[in-house]
N, C-alpha and C. Protein backbone atom coordinates (compact mmCIF):
# COMPACT_ATOMS: atom_id res chain seq x y z
N MET A 1 23.97 20.66 -5.09
CA MET A 1 24.19 19.74 -4.39
C MET A 1 22.80 19.12 -4.13
N ALA A 2 22.18 18.12 -4.45
CA ALA A 2 21.19 17.52 -4.04
C ALA A 2 21.24 16.82 -2.09
N LEU A 3 20.04 17.38 -1.56
CA LEU A 3 19.87 16.90 -0.19
C LEU A 3 19.84 15.28 -0.08
N PHE A 4 18.96 14.71 -1.09
CA PHE A 4 18.77 13.21 -1.01
C PHE A 4 19.02 12.63 -2.30
N LYS A 5 19.63 11.57 -2.37
CA LYS A 5 20.21 11.10 -3.40
C LYS A 5 19.37 9.86 -3.62
N LYS A 6 18.61 10.04 -5.16
CA LYS A 6 17.95 9.00 -5.57
C LYS A 6 18.68 7.45 -5.62
N ARG A 7 17.94 6.82 -5.14
CA ARG A 7 18.19 5.30 -5.34
C ARG A 7 18.01 4.73 -6.53
N THR A 8 19.10 4.34 -7.07
CA THR A 8 18.50 3.81 -8.71
C THR A 8 18.63 2.25 -8.76
N VAL A 9 19.30 1.68 -7.77
CA VAL A 9 19.48 0.09 -7.51
C VAL A 9 19.08 -0.13 -6.35
N GLY A 10 18.18 -1.23 -6.31
CA GLY A 10 17.84 -2.18 -5.15
C GLY A 10 18.54 -2.52 -4.31
N LYS A 11 18.22 -2.81 -2.96
CA LYS A 11 18.92 -3.74 -2.01
C LYS A 11 18.39 -5.12 -2.59
N PRO A 12 19.50 -6.13 -2.20
CA PRO A 12 19.03 -7.37 -2.39
C PRO A 12 18.37 -7.96 -1.21
N GLY A 13 17.43 -8.59 -1.50
CA GLY A 13 16.28 -9.00 -0.20
C GLY A 13 15.50 -7.99 -0.11
N GLU A 14 15.17 -7.40 -0.87
CA GLU A 14 13.72 -5.92 -0.82
C GLU A 14 12.96 -6.40 -1.97
N TRP A 15 12.08 -6.57 -1.64
CA TRP A 15 10.82 -7.22 -2.80
C TRP A 15 9.74 -6.08 -2.65
N TYR A 16 9.24 -5.64 -3.79
CA TYR A 16 8.27 -4.90 -4.28
C TYR A 16 7.32 -5.33 -5.40
N TYR A 17 6.02 -4.85 -5.01
CA TYR A 17 4.95 -5.20 -6.17
C TYR A 17 4.77 -4.12 -6.75
N CYS A 18 5.12 -3.98 -8.33
CA CYS A 18 4.74 -2.93 -9.08
C CYS A 18 3.44 -3.05 -9.34
N LEU A 19 2.92 -1.88 -9.30
CA LEU A 19 1.24 -1.50 -9.81
C LEU A 19 1.10 -1.41 -11.09
N GLU A 20 1.92 -0.73 -11.93
CA GLU A 20 2.14 -0.69 -13.15
C GLU A 20 2.14 -1.59 -14.11
N HIS A 21 3.49 -2.63 -13.59
CA HIS A 21 3.40 -3.85 -14.34
C HIS A 21 2.90 -5.17 -13.73
N LYS A 22 2.42 -5.27 -12.83
CA LYS A 22 1.67 -6.03 -11.91
C LYS A 22 2.58 -7.57 -11.80
N LYS A 23 3.86 -7.17 -11.46
CA LYS A 23 4.88 -8.23 -11.36
C LYS A 23 5.78 -7.84 -9.92
N VAL A 24 6.39 -8.98 -9.40
CA VAL A 24 7.05 -8.69 -8.29
C VAL A 24 8.65 -8.43 -8.61
N GLU A 25 9.52 -7.14 -8.00
CA GLU A 25 10.46 -6.87 -8.34
C GLU A 25 11.62 -7.01 -7.11
N GLU A 26 12.63 -7.11 -7.42
CA GLU A 26 13.61 -7.27 -6.42
C GLU A 26 14.48 -5.92 -6.29
N GLY A 27 14.33 -5.27 -5.29
CA GLY A 27 14.69 -3.94 -5.22
C GLY A 27 13.90 -2.67 -6.03
N PRO A 28 13.63 -1.65 -5.96
CA PRO A 28 12.94 -0.64 -6.40
C PRO A 28 13.26 -0.45 -7.88
N GLU A 29 12.58 -1.15 -8.84
CA GLU A 29 12.92 -1.20 -10.53
C GLU A 29 11.92 -0.03 -10.70
N CYS A 30 10.79 0.24 -10.20
CA CYS A 30 9.79 1.41 -10.95
C CYS A 30 9.74 2.56 -9.97
N PRO A 31 9.07 3.51 -9.99
CA PRO A 31 8.89 4.88 -9.20
C PRO A 31 8.29 4.26 -8.01
N ALA A 32 8.43 5.00 -6.79
CA ALA A 32 7.65 4.51 -5.58
C ALA A 32 5.98 4.92 -5.68
N LYS A 33 5.80 5.73 -6.55
CA LYS A 33 4.45 5.84 -6.64
C LYS A 33 3.47 4.64 -7.27
N ASP A 34 4.48 3.69 -8.08
CA ASP A 34 3.87 2.64 -8.73
C ASP A 34 4.10 1.43 -8.07
N ARG A 35 4.33 1.30 -6.81
CA ARG A 35 4.86 0.24 -6.02
C ARG A 35 4.26 -0.21 -4.73
N PHE A 36 4.44 -1.15 -4.22
CA PHE A 36 3.71 -1.55 -3.01
C PHE A 36 5.16 -2.12 -2.29
N GLY A 37 5.75 -2.01 -1.00
CA GLY A 37 6.87 -2.48 -0.67
C GLY A 37 7.40 -1.64 0.47
N PRO A 38 8.85 -1.91 0.75
CA PRO A 38 9.53 -3.51 0.65
C PRO A 38 8.71 -4.56 1.23
N TYR A 39 8.91 -5.83 1.13
CA TYR A 39 8.53 -6.78 1.44
C TYR A 39 9.93 -7.69 1.72
N ALA A 40 9.45 -8.77 2.81
CA ALA A 40 10.85 -9.44 3.21
C ALA A 40 10.92 -10.65 2.31
N THR A 41 9.89 -11.17 1.48
CA THR A 41 10.10 -12.33 0.52
C THR A 41 9.29 -11.96 -1.01
N PRO A 42 9.71 -12.73 -1.67
CA PRO A 42 8.89 -12.46 -2.99
C PRO A 42 7.57 -12.87 -2.97
N GLU A 43 7.23 -14.02 -2.12
CA GLU A 43 5.71 -14.42 -1.80
C GLU A 43 4.99 -13.39 -1.31
N GLU A 44 5.60 -12.78 -0.06
CA GLU A 44 4.67 -11.55 0.61
C GLU A 44 4.69 -10.37 -0.46
N ALA A 45 5.50 -10.17 -1.31
CA ALA A 45 5.10 -9.20 -2.58
C ALA A 45 4.05 -9.79 -3.58
N ARG A 46 4.13 -11.02 -3.80
CA ARG A 46 3.21 -11.38 -4.82
C ARG A 46 1.57 -11.15 -4.04
N HIS A 47 1.52 -11.21 -2.65
CA HIS A 47 0.32 -11.04 -2.28
C HIS A 47 -0.28 -9.72 -1.56
N ALA A 48 0.80 -8.81 -2.17
CA ALA A 48 0.41 -7.10 -1.81
C ALA A 48 -0.95 -6.97 -1.87
N MET A 49 -1.35 -7.42 -3.21
CA MET A 49 -2.97 -6.71 -3.44
C MET A 49 -3.81 -7.31 -2.67
N ASP A 50 -3.89 -8.47 -2.05
CA ASP A 50 -4.53 -9.41 -1.10
C ASP A 50 -4.34 -8.43 0.21
N THR A 51 -2.95 -8.31 0.71
CA THR A 51 -2.94 -7.66 1.96
C THR A 51 -3.46 -6.40 1.89
N ALA A 52 -3.66 -5.73 0.96
CA ALA A 52 -4.12 -4.31 0.97
C ALA A 52 -5.74 -4.14 0.72
N GLN A 53 -5.94 -5.25 0.42
CA GLN A 53 -7.81 -5.33 0.09
C GLN A 53 -8.10 -5.82 1.88
N GLU A 54 -7.29 -6.70 2.39
CA GLU A 54 -7.62 -7.22 3.62
C GLU A 54 -7.34 -5.94 4.88
N ARG A 55 -6.63 -5.07 4.49
CA ARG A 55 -6.09 -3.88 5.38
C ARG A 55 -7.45 -2.77 5.42
N ASN A 56 -7.47 -2.81 3.80
CA ASN A 56 -8.73 -1.67 3.58
C ASN A 56 -10.06 -2.24 4.32
N LEU A 57 -10.46 -3.38 4.23
CA LEU A 57 -11.51 -3.78 4.76
C LEU A 57 -11.65 -3.69 6.57
N GLU A 58 -10.19 -4.05 6.89
CA GLU A 58 -10.23 -3.70 8.16
C GLU A 58 -10.72 -2.58 8.76
N TRP A 59 -9.90 -1.31 7.86
CA TRP A 59 -10.02 -0.08 8.23
C TRP A 59 -11.76 0.16 8.07
N GLU A 60 -12.30 -0.18 7.03
CA GLU A 60 -13.67 0.09 6.90
C GLU A 60 -14.60 -0.46 7.73
N THR A 61 -13.88 -1.30 8.30
CA THR A 61 -15.10 -1.79 9.51
C THR A 61 -14.71 -1.76 10.79
N ASP A 62 -13.46 -0.64 11.22
CA ASP A 62 -12.93 -0.28 12.58
C ASP A 62 -13.80 0.65 13.18
N PRO A 63 -14.63 0.26 14.47
CA PRO A 63 -15.41 1.49 14.86
C PRO A 63 -14.62 2.75 14.98
N LYS A 64 -13.34 2.55 15.59
CA LYS A 64 -12.52 3.47 16.00
C LYS A 64 -12.04 4.78 15.02
N TRP A 65 -12.43 4.37 13.63
CA TRP A 65 -12.27 5.22 12.29
C TRP A 65 -13.68 5.83 12.19
N HIS A 66 -14.65 5.25 12.49
CA HIS A 66 -16.33 5.63 11.95
C HIS A 66 -16.94 6.26 13.49
N ASP A 67 -16.38 7.01 14.07
CA ASP A 67 -16.89 7.38 15.63
C ASP A 67 -17.92 8.28 15.06
N ARG A 68 -17.99 8.88 14.17
CA ARG A 68 -19.17 10.17 14.11
C ARG A 68 -20.39 9.65 14.29
N THR A 69 -21.45 10.15 14.51
CA THR A 69 -22.94 9.92 14.58
C THR A 69 -23.27 10.27 12.97
N PRO A 70 -24.53 9.43 12.71
CA PRO A 70 -24.99 9.53 11.12
C PRO A 70 -25.61 10.65 11.10
N PRO A 71 -25.64 11.47 10.27
CA PRO A 71 -26.45 12.95 10.01
C PRO A 71 -27.87 12.50 10.11
N GLN A 72 -28.41 13.57 10.66
CA GLN A 72 -29.79 13.36 11.11
C GLN A 72 -30.53 13.69 9.89
N ASP A 73 -31.73 13.14 10.00
CA ASP A 73 -32.68 13.24 8.56
C ASP A 73 -33.56 14.81 8.69
N PRO A 74 -33.56 15.65 7.86
CA PRO A 74 -33.92 16.97 8.40
C PRO A 74 -35.28 16.98 8.75
N SER A 75 -36.16 15.79 8.01
CA SER A 75 -37.72 15.81 7.82
C SER A 75 -38.08 15.22 9.21
N GLY A 76 -37.08 14.76 10.05
CA GLY A 76 -37.43 14.21 11.43
C GLY A 76 -37.68 13.02 11.52
N ASP A 77 -37.70 12.14 10.45
CA ASP A 77 -38.55 10.83 10.41
C ASP A 77 -37.18 9.71 10.36
């Protein structure tokens, strides 16, 4: 007996962006590894890649994530 039942049909109102097919889907049609979501609207799902790019940029420029001091130059210059 499986502990977790694999959901094969999506819920109405859950929107995903499929990375494999590059399209918006209602409910999870593709495997989780190939999609972003869920989103509340198809419009939000349509902009999933833009949202991911914005979040990546925020993370890359967030000083809390880059609090290590840069490595010292062994030559002393």
